[in-house]
Amino acid sequence: MRKCLSVYIIAYLTLLLVVCGLLCLYPKLELHLLLNSWHTRIQDTFFKYYTMIAEGPIYALALLPLLWKQIRLTLFMGLCELTGGAFLQLLKHTLCLERPICAFERLSDSALPLVSGVDMHYGNSFPSGHASTFFVFCTCFAIFLAYRHQQDAKQSQPRSNILFHMSLLALLALAALGAFSRVYLSQHFLIDVCVGSIIGFITPLLLFHFGRKKILKLKSE
């Protein structure tokens, strides 16, 4: 399984390294403005609605494994979201950090780009719950794809490695877009979505590692 997921894991760690580099190079407010300097109508509309996937529709996607009679994976996704969400909410309400709009309201010389029709939030910015949710579900689906790929290989039904790896990278891209939408909409700073993604990425991997036999009835490797 770890070998099958290596592309997904390496790609995420590479992305995380780039993000950490940006966080080290730029002050938080300057970096936020830099990331928000490319607003267009198409992007405004796309990110306005794409971010909403984490507010309900993504939970419906968690039912997809039932089509393959994988009820344990659906339960696994729910457990990952509950576990990661509990830890995330603990951080949110313990630290109580302000959102971008609060920070920029104190600066008279900095205009914060906002998207029309988006209700802005003011508190509990760190970490991002939407980013965590996107990464929880995409990582869970990556685990499911890796499991199916491994099982097909064991049953002498090889699938295209290129298609498999492209699917993993597509899942990571979808999660990253969801996380970035929070920065684009000025609901979070980059550090908020970075830590949210880490929680959403690590939680499924840890829970699967310690409970994979019960989750998918895997045989010992």
Protein backbone atom coordinates (compact mmCIF):
# COMPACT_ATOMS: atom_id res chain seq x y z
CA MET A 1 0.00 0.00 0.00
CA ARG A 2 2.74 2.45 0.89
CA LYS A 3 4.42 1.84 -2.45
CA CYS A 4 1.14 2.41 -4.29
CA LEU A 5 0.58 5.69 -2.45
CA SER A 6 4.14 6.93 -2.87
CA VAL A 7 3.28 9.26 -5.78
CA TYR A 8 0.47 10.89 -3.79
CA ILE A 9 2.62 11.26 -0.68
CA ILE A 10 5.68 12.58 -2.50
CA ALA A 11 3.61 15.07 -4.50
CA TYR A 12 1.94 16.37 -1.33
CA LEU A 13 5.25 16.73 0.51
CA THR A 14 6.68 18.60 -2.48
CA LEU A 15 3.70 20.96 -2.47
CA LEU A 16 4.02 21.38 1.29
CA LEU A 17 7.71 22.24 0.91
CA VAL A 18 6.86 24.97 -1.63
CA VAL A 19 4.17 26.40 0.67
CA CYS A 20 6.53 26.38 3.67
CA GLY A 21 9.10 28.19 1.55
CA LEU A 22 6.58 30.93 0.76
CA LEU A 23 5.65 31.20 4.43
CA CYS A 24 9.30 31.70 5.34
CA LEU A 25 10.03 34.20 2.56
CA TYR A 26 7.08 36.59 2.99
CA PRO A 27 5.32 38.25 5.93
CA LYS A 28 1.81 36.87 6.41
CA LEU A 29 -0.14 39.92 5.19
CA GLU A 30 2.17 40.58 2.25
CA LEU A 31 1.93 36.95 1.17
CA HIS A 32 -1.86 37.04 1.38
CA LEU A 33 -2.03 40.05 -0.91
CA LEU A 34 0.43 38.43 -3.30
CA LEU A 35 -1.73 35.32 -3.56
CA ASN A 36 -4.84 37.47 -4.10
CA SER A 37 -3.46 39.69 -6.86
CA TRP A 38 -4.92 37.70 -9.76
CA HIS A 39 -8.68 38.04 -9.37
CA THR A 40 -10.91 37.56 -12.41
CA ARG A 41 -14.66 37.08 -12.76
CA ILE A 42 -14.24 33.46 -13.83
CA GLN A 43 -11.98 32.66 -10.89
CA ASP A 44 -14.25 34.51 -8.47
CA THR A 45 -17.22 32.42 -9.57
CA PHE A 46 -15.27 29.16 -9.63
CA PHE A 47 -13.73 29.46 -6.16
CA LYS A 48 -16.92 30.88 -4.66
CA TYR A 49 -18.80 27.69 -5.50
CA TYR A 50 -15.93 25.19 -5.43
CA THR A 51 -15.22 25.95 -1.78
CA MET A 52 -18.84 25.02 -0.96
CA ILE A 53 -18.12 21.40 -1.86
CA ALA A 54 -16.57 21.02 1.58
CA GLU A 55 -19.77 22.26 3.21
CA GLY A 56 -22.00 19.34 2.23
CA PRO A 57 -21.60 17.81 -1.25
CA ILE A 58 -18.29 16.18 -0.35
CA TYR A 59 -20.03 14.16 2.34
CA ALA A 60 -22.32 12.73 -0.33
CA LEU A 61 -19.21 11.69 -2.27
CA ALA A 62 -18.20 9.65 0.75
CA LEU A 63 -21.09 7.32 -0.12
CA LEU A 64 -19.49 6.37 -3.47
CA PRO A 65 -17.56 3.40 -2.00
CA LEU A 66 -20.94 1.79 -1.32
CA LEU A 67 -21.19 1.22 -5.08
CA TRP A 68 -18.29 -1.21 -4.68
CA LYS A 69 -19.84 -2.64 -1.50
CA GLN A 70 -17.13 -0.97 0.58
CA ILE A 71 -19.21 0.16 3.54
CA ARG A 72 -16.10 0.02 5.73
CA LEU A 73 -14.43 2.70 3.63
CA THR A 74 -17.43 5.02 3.97
CA LEU A 75 -17.30 4.51 7.74
CA PHE A 76 -13.54 5.06 7.58
CA MET A 77 -14.07 8.43 5.86
CA GLY A 78 -16.54 9.45 8.52
CA LEU A 79 -14.14 8.45 11.29
CA CYS A 80 -11.30 10.40 9.65
CA GLU A 81 -13.44 13.53 9.36
CA LEU A 82 -14.62 13.25 12.98
CA THR A 83 -11.10 12.64 14.31
CA GLY A 84 -9.40 15.34 12.25
CA GLY A 85 -12.30 17.73 12.79
CA ALA A 86 -12.22 17.31 16.57
CA PHE A 87 -8.50 18.08 16.70
CA LEU A 88 -8.93 21.02 14.31
CA GLN A 89 -11.79 22.56 16.28
CA LEU A 90 -9.74 22.22 19.46
CA LEU A 91 -6.98 24.26 17.85
CA LYS A 92 -9.43 26.80 16.42
CA HIS A 93 -11.13 27.56 19.71
CA THR A 94 -7.97 27.41 21.78
CA LEU A 95 -5.95 29.83 19.64
CA CYS A 96 -8.86 32.01 18.39
CA LEU A 97 -6.79 33.74 15.69
CA GLU A 98 -8.31 36.46 13.51
CA ARG A 99 -9.25 36.09 9.85
CA PRO A 100 -7.64 38.12 7.04
CA ILE A 101 -10.47 40.66 6.89
CA CYS A 102 -9.85 41.62 10.52
CA ALA A 103 -6.13 42.07 10.01
CA PHE A 104 -6.56 44.20 6.89
CA GLU A 105 -9.28 46.40 8.39
CA ARG A 106 -6.56 47.95 10.57
CA LEU A 107 -4.47 48.86 7.51
CA SER A 108 -5.77 51.92 5.73
CA ASP A 109 -3.35 51.59 2.80
CA SER A 110 -4.11 47.95 1.89
CA ALA A 111 -7.26 46.99 0.02
CA LEU A 112 -8.23 43.36 0.48
CA PRO A 113 -9.74 41.82 -2.69
CA LEU A 114 -13.13 40.33 -1.84
CA VAL A 115 -15.53 38.24 -3.89
CA SER A 116 -19.10 39.49 -4.18
CA GLY A 117 -21.69 37.32 -2.45
CA VAL A 118 -19.29 35.61 -0.05
CA ASP A 119 -20.13 35.95 3.66
CA MET A 120 -16.88 36.81 5.41
CA HIS A 121 -15.86 35.24 8.71
CA TYR A 122 -13.93 37.13 11.39
CA GLY A 123 -12.69 34.67 13.99
CA ASN A 124 -11.21 31.20 14.54
CA SER A 125 -9.03 31.35 11.45
CA PHE A 126 -6.33 28.82 12.35
CA PRO A 127 -6.39 26.14 11.04
CA SER A 128 -8.74 25.89 8.05
CA GLY A 129 -11.57 23.39 8.41
CA HIS A 130 -12.38 23.46 4.70
CA ALA A 131 -8.78 22.64 3.77
CA SER A 132 -8.78 19.76 6.23
CA THR A 133 -12.06 18.40 4.87
CA PHE A 134 -10.86 18.52 1.26
CA PHE A 135 -7.67 16.67 2.14
CA VAL A 136 -9.38 14.11 4.39
CA PHE A 137 -11.70 12.93 1.65
CA CYS A 138 -9.21 13.12 -1.22
CA THR A 139 -6.63 11.20 0.83
CA CYS A 140 -9.25 8.60 1.74
CA PHE A 141 -10.12 8.13 -1.94
CA ALA A 142 -6.40 7.90 -2.75
CA ILE A 143 -6.12 5.09 -0.19
CA PHE A 144 -9.13 3.37 -1.73
CA LEU A 145 -7.66 3.61 -5.25
CA ALA A 146 -4.32 2.30 -4.01
CA TYR A 147 -6.04 -0.63 -2.33
CA ARG A 148 -7.97 -1.51 -5.50
CA HIS A 149 -4.80 -1.18 -7.58
CA GLN A 150 -2.96 -3.50 -5.23
CA GLN A 151 -5.77 -6.06 -5.21
CA ASP A 152 -5.96 -6.08 -9.02
CA ALA A 153 -2.22 -6.70 -9.19
CA LYS A 154 -2.52 -9.63 -6.76
CA GLN A 155 -5.32 -11.13 -8.87
CA SER A 156 -3.26 -10.79 -12.06
CA GLN A 157 -5.54 -8.04 -13.38
CA PRO A 158 -3.00 -5.26 -13.89
CA ARG A 159 -4.28 -1.76 -14.52
CA SER A 160 -2.41 1.09 -16.18
CA ASN A 161 0.13 2.51 -13.75
CA ILE A 162 0.08 5.81 -15.59
CA LEU A 163 -3.70 6.15 -15.26
CA PHE A 164 -3.50 5.14 -11.59
CA HIS A 165 -0.80 7.69 -10.80
CA MET A 166 -2.61 10.40 -12.75
CA SER A 167 -5.75 9.67 -10.71
CA LEU A 168 -3.80 10.12 -7.48
CA LEU A 169 -2.35 13.41 -8.68
CA ALA A 170 -5.81 14.56 -9.78
CA LEU A 171 -7.14 13.89 -6.27
CA LEU A 172 -4.28 15.90 -4.78
CA ALA A 173 -4.95 18.75 -7.21
CA LEU A 174 -8.65 18.80 -6.25
CA ALA A 175 -7.73 18.97 -2.55
CA ALA A 176 -5.13 21.70 -3.15
CA LEU A 177 -7.65 23.77 -5.15
CA GLY A 178 -10.14 23.46 -2.31
CA ALA A 179 -7.53 24.62 0.19
CA PHE A 180 -6.42 27.51 -2.02
CA SER A 181 -10.02 28.63 -2.46
CA ARG A 182 -10.00 29.67 1.20
CA VAL A 183 -7.04 31.96 0.59
CA TYR A 184 -8.48 33.29 -2.66
CA LEU A 185 -11.74 34.17 -0.90
CA SER A 186 -9.76 35.77 1.97
CA GLN A 187 -11.38 33.48 4.51
CA HIS A 188 -7.97 32.20 5.63
CA PHE A 189 -4.27 32.94 5.51
CA LEU A 190 -1.94 30.50 3.77
CA ILE A 191 -0.64 29.20 7.10
CA ASP A 192 -4.22 28.32 8.07
CA VAL A 193 -4.82 26.15 5.00
CA CYS A 194 -1.33 24.68 5.25
CA VAL A 195 -1.92 23.31 8.74
CA GLY A 196 -5.48 22.32 7.83
CA SER A 197 -4.15 20.29 4.90
CA ILE A 198 -1.58 18.59 7.13
CA ILE A 199 -4.33 17.50 9.51
CA GLY A 200 -6.48 16.28 6.63
CA PHE A 201 -3.54 14.47 5.03
CA ILE A 202 -2.10 12.76 8.10
CA THR A 203 -5.36 11.69 9.80
CA PRO A 204 -6.48 9.13 7.14
CA LEU A 205 -2.96 7.74 6.75
CA LEU A 206 -2.56 7.21 10.48
CA LEU A 207 -6.01 5.71 11.00
CA PHE A 208 -5.58 3.44 8.01
CA HIS A 209 -2.13 2.33 9.18
CA PHE A 210 -3.37 1.29 12.61
CA GLY A 211 -6.74 -0.12 11.52
CA ARG A 212 -6.34 -1.27 7.93
CA LYS A 213 -7.24 -4.91 8.60
CA LYS A 214 -10.57 -3.92 10.15
CA ILE A 215 -11.24 -1.16 7.62
CA LEU A 216 -10.71 -3.14 4.43
CA LYS A 217 -10.20 -6.67 5.73
CA LEU A 218 -6.70 -6.69 4.32
CA LYS A 219 -4.54 -9.74 4.74
CA SER A 220 -1.18 -9.30 6.38
CA GLU A 221 1.31 -7.98 3.86
